[in-house]
């Protein structure tokens, strides 16, 4: 299986853009801090160490730190990421 593995750290308030994984998937293994994960059309999920997220092929989502905490996860990813629009600042600040 051809996958990429990365140890990802977000500083407080940092998050990635909405994105999808085309022709693949992504596992997020949360290792530290507090963060958020959201799939399009669903509520944001609060994440902490020990949580595991599975994102299936083509599912639009984002993830990142809470406003007040660093956030770390190991990402195991297959397929090609397609980067989309930023997460709305005003919406994020109300999480």
N, C-alpha and C. Protein backbone atom coordinates (compact mmCIF):
# COMPACT_ATOMS: atom_id res chain seq x y z
N UNK A 1 0.84 -1.16 0.00
CA UNK A 1 0.00 0.00 0.00
C UNK A 1 0.90 1.24 0.00
N UNK A 2 0.61 2.19 -0.86
CA UNK A 2 1.39 3.42 -0.97
C UNK A 2 0.70 4.52 -0.18
N UNK A 3 1.25 4.86 0.98
CA UNK A 3 0.69 5.91 1.83
C UNK A 3 1.78 6.87 2.27
N UNK A 4 1.36 8.07 2.62
CA UNK A 4 2.26 9.02 3.25
C UNK A 4 1.94 9.07 4.74
N UNK A 5 2.98 9.26 5.55
CA UNK A 5 2.79 9.38 6.99
C UNK A 5 3.47 10.66 7.44
N UNK A 6 2.73 11.49 8.17
CA UNK A 6 3.29 12.75 8.65
C UNK A 6 2.89 13.02 10.08
N UNK A 7 3.83 13.60 10.84
CA UNK A 7 3.55 14.08 12.19
C UNK A 7 3.26 15.56 12.06
N UNK A 8 2.01 15.97 12.26
CA UNK A 8 1.56 17.33 11.96
C UNK A 8 1.28 18.08 13.26
N UNK A 9 1.79 19.31 13.35
CA UNK A 9 1.56 20.16 14.52
C UNK A 9 0.94 21.47 14.07
N UNK A 10 -0.16 21.86 14.73
CA UNK A 10 -0.83 23.13 14.48
C UNK A 10 -0.66 24.00 15.73
N UNK A 11 -0.25 25.26 15.56
CA UNK A 11 -0.23 26.17 16.70
C UNK A 11 -1.66 26.61 17.01
N UNK A 12 -1.91 27.18 18.19
CA UNK A 12 -3.28 27.60 18.52
C UNK A 12 -3.88 28.49 17.43
N UNK A 13 -5.11 28.18 17.05
CA UNK A 13 -5.82 28.95 16.04
C UNK A 13 -5.52 28.57 14.60
N UNK A 14 -4.57 27.66 14.39
CA UNK A 14 -4.18 27.27 13.03
C UNK A 14 -5.05 26.11 12.56
N UNK A 15 -5.44 26.16 11.32
CA UNK A 15 -6.19 25.06 10.70
C UNK A 15 -5.89 25.04 9.21
N UNK A 16 -6.16 23.89 8.59
CA UNK A 16 -5.96 23.84 7.15
C UNK A 16 -7.25 24.25 6.43
N UNK A 17 -7.15 24.38 5.12
CA UNK A 17 -8.33 24.68 4.30
C UNK A 17 -9.20 23.43 4.18
N UNK A 18 -10.44 23.65 3.75
CA UNK A 18 -11.27 22.53 3.33
C UNK A 18 -10.49 21.78 2.26
N UNK A 19 -10.59 20.47 2.24
CA UNK A 19 -9.91 19.67 1.22
C UNK A 19 -10.55 18.29 1.12
N UNK A 20 -10.19 17.59 0.07
CA UNK A 20 -10.60 16.20 -0.12
C UNK A 20 -9.36 15.38 -0.44
N UNK A 21 -9.47 14.08 -0.32
CA UNK A 21 -8.43 13.15 -0.74
C UNK A 21 -9.02 12.33 -1.88
N UNK A 22 -8.54 12.58 -3.09
CA UNK A 22 -9.06 11.95 -4.30
C UNK A 22 -8.36 10.62 -4.51
N UNK A 23 -9.13 9.55 -4.62
CA UNK A 23 -8.56 8.22 -4.87
C UNK A 23 -7.84 7.66 -3.66
N UNK A 24 -8.31 8.01 -2.46
CA UNK A 24 -7.63 7.53 -1.27
C UNK A 24 -8.44 7.72 0.00
N UNK A 25 -7.73 8.03 1.08
CA UNK A 25 -8.33 8.16 2.40
C UNK A 25 -7.35 8.90 3.29
N UNK A 26 -7.78 9.17 4.53
CA UNK A 26 -6.87 9.72 5.53
C UNK A 26 -7.27 9.23 6.91
N UNK A 27 -6.28 8.77 7.67
CA UNK A 27 -6.45 8.46 9.09
C UNK A 27 -5.74 9.55 9.87
N UNK A 28 -6.40 10.10 10.88
CA UNK A 28 -5.77 11.04 11.80
C UNK A 28 -5.72 10.38 13.17
N UNK A 29 -4.53 10.24 13.72
CA UNK A 29 -4.32 9.68 15.05
C UNK A 29 -3.88 10.83 15.95
N UNK A 30 -4.77 11.31 16.79
CA UNK A 30 -4.48 12.50 17.60
C UNK A 30 -3.52 12.13 18.72
N UNK A 31 -2.39 12.86 18.79
CA UNK A 31 -1.34 12.56 19.77
C UNK A 31 -1.19 13.62 20.85
N UNK A 32 -1.77 14.81 20.66
CA UNK A 32 -1.62 15.83 21.69
C UNK A 32 -2.46 17.06 21.43
N UNK A 33 -2.69 17.82 22.49
CA UNK A 33 -3.42 19.07 22.39
C UNK A 33 -4.91 18.86 22.17
N UNK A 34 -5.54 19.94 21.66
CA UNK A 34 -6.97 19.92 21.38
C UNK A 34 -7.22 20.48 19.99
N UNK A 35 -8.12 19.84 19.26
CA UNK A 35 -8.36 20.28 17.89
C UNK A 35 -9.80 20.06 17.45
N UNK A 36 -10.01 20.37 16.19
CA UNK A 36 -11.32 20.22 15.55
C UNK A 36 -11.17 19.43 14.25
N UNK A 37 -12.21 18.68 13.92
CA UNK A 37 -12.34 18.01 12.63
C UNK A 37 -13.78 18.21 12.19
N UNK A 38 -13.97 18.54 10.92
CA UNK A 38 -15.33 18.69 10.42
C UNK A 38 -15.43 18.21 8.99
N UNK A 39 -16.48 17.44 8.72
CA UNK A 39 -16.86 17.08 7.35
C UNK A 39 -17.96 18.02 6.91
N UNK A 40 -17.98 18.34 5.64
CA UNK A 40 -18.99 19.26 5.10
C UNK A 40 -20.39 18.76 5.43
N UNK A 41 -21.23 19.68 5.93
CA UNK A 41 -22.61 19.35 6.25
C UNK A 41 -22.82 18.71 7.60
N UNK A 42 -21.74 18.52 8.36
CA UNK A 42 -21.82 17.90 9.69
C UNK A 42 -21.23 18.86 10.73
N UNK A 43 -21.61 18.68 12.01
CA UNK A 43 -21.02 19.54 13.04
C UNK A 43 -19.54 19.25 13.24
N UNK A 44 -18.79 20.24 13.69
CA UNK A 44 -17.37 20.05 14.01
C UNK A 44 -17.25 19.11 15.21
N UNK A 45 -16.23 18.26 15.19
CA UNK A 45 -15.96 17.32 16.28
C UNK A 45 -14.74 17.79 17.06
N UNK A 46 -14.86 17.91 18.37
CA UNK A 46 -13.75 18.25 19.24
C UNK A 46 -12.83 17.03 19.37
N UNK A 47 -11.51 17.24 19.24
CA UNK A 47 -10.55 16.14 19.28
C UNK A 47 -9.53 16.35 20.39
N UNK A 48 -9.10 15.22 20.98
CA UNK A 48 -8.06 15.22 22.00
C UNK A 48 -7.21 13.97 21.82
N UNK A 49 -6.10 13.89 22.55
CA UNK A 49 -5.18 12.76 22.42
C UNK A 49 -5.93 11.43 22.56
N UNK A 50 -5.62 10.51 21.65
CA UNK A 50 -6.24 9.19 21.63
C UNK A 50 -7.37 9.05 20.64
N UNK A 51 -7.92 10.18 20.16
CA UNK A 51 -9.00 10.12 19.17
C UNK A 51 -8.45 9.69 17.81
N UNK A 52 -9.28 9.00 17.05
CA UNK A 52 -8.93 8.55 15.70
C UNK A 52 -10.04 8.98 14.75
N UNK A 53 -9.64 9.57 13.63
CA UNK A 53 -10.58 10.00 12.59
C UNK A 53 -10.25 9.25 11.31
N UNK A 54 -11.27 8.75 10.63
CA UNK A 54 -11.11 8.13 9.31
C UNK A 54 -11.90 8.95 8.31
N UNK A 55 -11.21 9.47 7.30
CA UNK A 55 -11.85 10.25 6.24
C UNK A 55 -11.81 9.44 4.96
N UNK A 56 -12.96 9.20 4.38
CA UNK A 56 -13.05 8.38 3.17
C UNK A 56 -12.80 9.20 1.91
N UNK A 57 -12.56 8.52 0.83
CA UNK A 57 -12.29 9.10 -0.48
C UNK A 57 -13.34 10.16 -0.85
N UNK A 58 -12.87 11.35 -1.20
CA UNK A 58 -13.74 12.39 -1.73
C UNK A 58 -14.55 13.16 -0.71
N UNK A 59 -14.37 12.90 0.60
CA UNK A 59 -15.14 13.61 1.63
C UNK A 59 -14.48 14.95 1.93
N UNK A 60 -15.23 16.03 1.75
CA UNK A 60 -14.72 17.38 2.00
C UNK A 60 -14.65 17.61 3.51
N UNK A 61 -13.47 18.05 4.00
CA UNK A 61 -13.26 18.21 5.43
C UNK A 61 -12.13 19.18 5.72
N UNK A 62 -11.99 19.53 6.98
CA UNK A 62 -10.84 20.31 7.46
C UNK A 62 -10.51 19.84 8.87
N UNK A 63 -9.30 20.18 9.34
CA UNK A 63 -8.91 19.88 10.72
C UNK A 63 -7.86 20.88 11.16
N UNK A 64 -7.78 21.08 12.46
CA UNK A 64 -6.81 22.02 13.00
C UNK A 64 -6.97 22.20 14.50
N UNK A 65 -6.19 23.12 15.04
CA UNK A 65 -6.16 23.38 16.48
C UNK A 65 -7.37 24.17 16.93
N UNK A 66 -7.65 24.09 18.23
CA UNK A 66 -8.62 25.01 18.82
C UNK A 66 -7.95 26.38 18.92
N UNK A 67 -8.72 27.38 19.29
CA UNK A 67 -8.18 28.74 19.40
C UNK A 67 -7.10 28.85 20.46
N UNK A 68 -7.17 28.01 21.51
CA UNK A 68 -6.32 28.17 22.68
C UNK A 68 -5.33 27.03 22.94
N UNK A 69 -5.22 26.09 22.02
CA UNK A 69 -4.36 24.93 22.28
C UNK A 69 -3.58 24.53 21.03
N UNK A 70 -2.37 24.06 21.25
CA UNK A 70 -1.65 23.38 20.19
C UNK A 70 -2.39 22.08 19.89
N UNK A 71 -2.14 21.52 18.69
CA UNK A 71 -2.81 20.28 18.28
C UNK A 71 -1.84 19.48 17.45
N UNK A 72 -1.71 18.19 17.77
CA UNK A 72 -0.80 17.31 17.05
C UNK A 72 -1.51 16.03 16.65
N UNK A 73 -1.21 15.58 15.43
CA UNK A 73 -1.73 14.29 15.00
C UNK A 73 -0.77 13.65 14.02
N UNK A 74 -0.86 12.35 13.93
CA UNK A 74 -0.18 11.61 12.87
C UNK A 74 -1.21 11.42 11.77
N UNK A 75 -0.84 11.80 10.55
CA UNK A 75 -1.73 11.65 9.40
C UNK A 75 -1.19 10.53 8.51
N UNK A 76 -2.03 9.57 8.22
CA UNK A 76 -1.71 8.48 7.30
C UNK A 76 -2.64 8.67 6.11
N UNK A 77 -2.04 8.98 4.96
CA UNK A 77 -2.84 9.45 3.83
C UNK A 77 -2.49 8.70 2.55
N UNK A 78 -3.53 8.35 1.79
CA UNK A 78 -3.37 7.79 0.45
C UNK A 78 -4.18 8.65 -0.51
N UNK A 79 -3.76 8.68 -1.75
CA UNK A 79 -4.48 9.47 -2.75
C UNK A 79 -3.91 10.87 -2.88
N UNK A 80 -4.57 11.66 -3.70
CA UNK A 80 -4.11 13.02 -3.99
C UNK A 80 -4.98 14.03 -3.26
N UNK A 81 -4.36 14.91 -2.44
CA UNK A 81 -5.17 15.95 -1.79
C UNK A 81 -5.56 17.03 -2.80
N UNK A 82 -6.78 17.51 -2.69
CA UNK A 82 -7.26 18.62 -3.50
C UNK A 82 -7.65 19.72 -2.52
N UNK A 83 -6.88 20.82 -2.53
CA UNK A 83 -7.09 21.91 -1.58
C UNK A 83 -8.16 22.86 -2.08
N UNK A 84 -9.06 23.25 -1.17
CA UNK A 84 -10.22 24.06 -1.50
C UNK A 84 -10.18 25.36 -0.69
N UNK A 85 -11.34 25.96 -0.43
CA UNK A 85 -11.42 27.27 0.21
C UNK A 85 -11.04 27.21 1.69
N UNK A 86 -10.63 28.37 2.25
CA UNK A 86 -10.33 28.43 3.69
C UNK A 86 -11.59 28.24 4.53
N UNK A 87 -11.39 27.79 5.75
CA UNK A 87 -12.46 27.75 6.74
C UNK A 87 -12.76 29.19 7.13
N UNK A 88 -14.03 29.56 7.17
CA UNK A 88 -14.44 30.93 7.46
C UNK A 88 -13.96 31.36 8.86
N UNK A 89 -13.24 32.49 8.93
CA UNK A 89 -12.70 32.98 10.20
C UNK A 89 -13.78 33.23 11.25
N UNK A 90 -14.86 33.87 10.86
CA UNK A 90 -15.92 34.18 11.82
C UNK A 90 -16.56 32.91 12.36
N UNK A 91 -16.83 31.95 11.47
CA UNK A 91 -17.42 30.69 11.90
C UNK A 91 -16.48 29.97 12.86
N UNK A 92 -15.18 29.88 12.49
CA UNK A 92 -14.18 29.20 13.32
C UNK A 92 -14.09 29.84 14.71
N UNK A 93 -14.12 31.17 14.77
CA UNK A 93 -13.97 31.86 16.05
C UNK A 93 -15.14 31.59 17.00
N UNK A 94 -16.25 31.09 16.47
CA UNK A 94 -17.41 30.77 17.31
C UNK A 94 -17.46 29.32 17.77
N UNK A 95 -16.46 28.51 17.37
CA UNK A 95 -16.44 27.11 17.84
C UNK A 95 -16.15 27.06 19.33
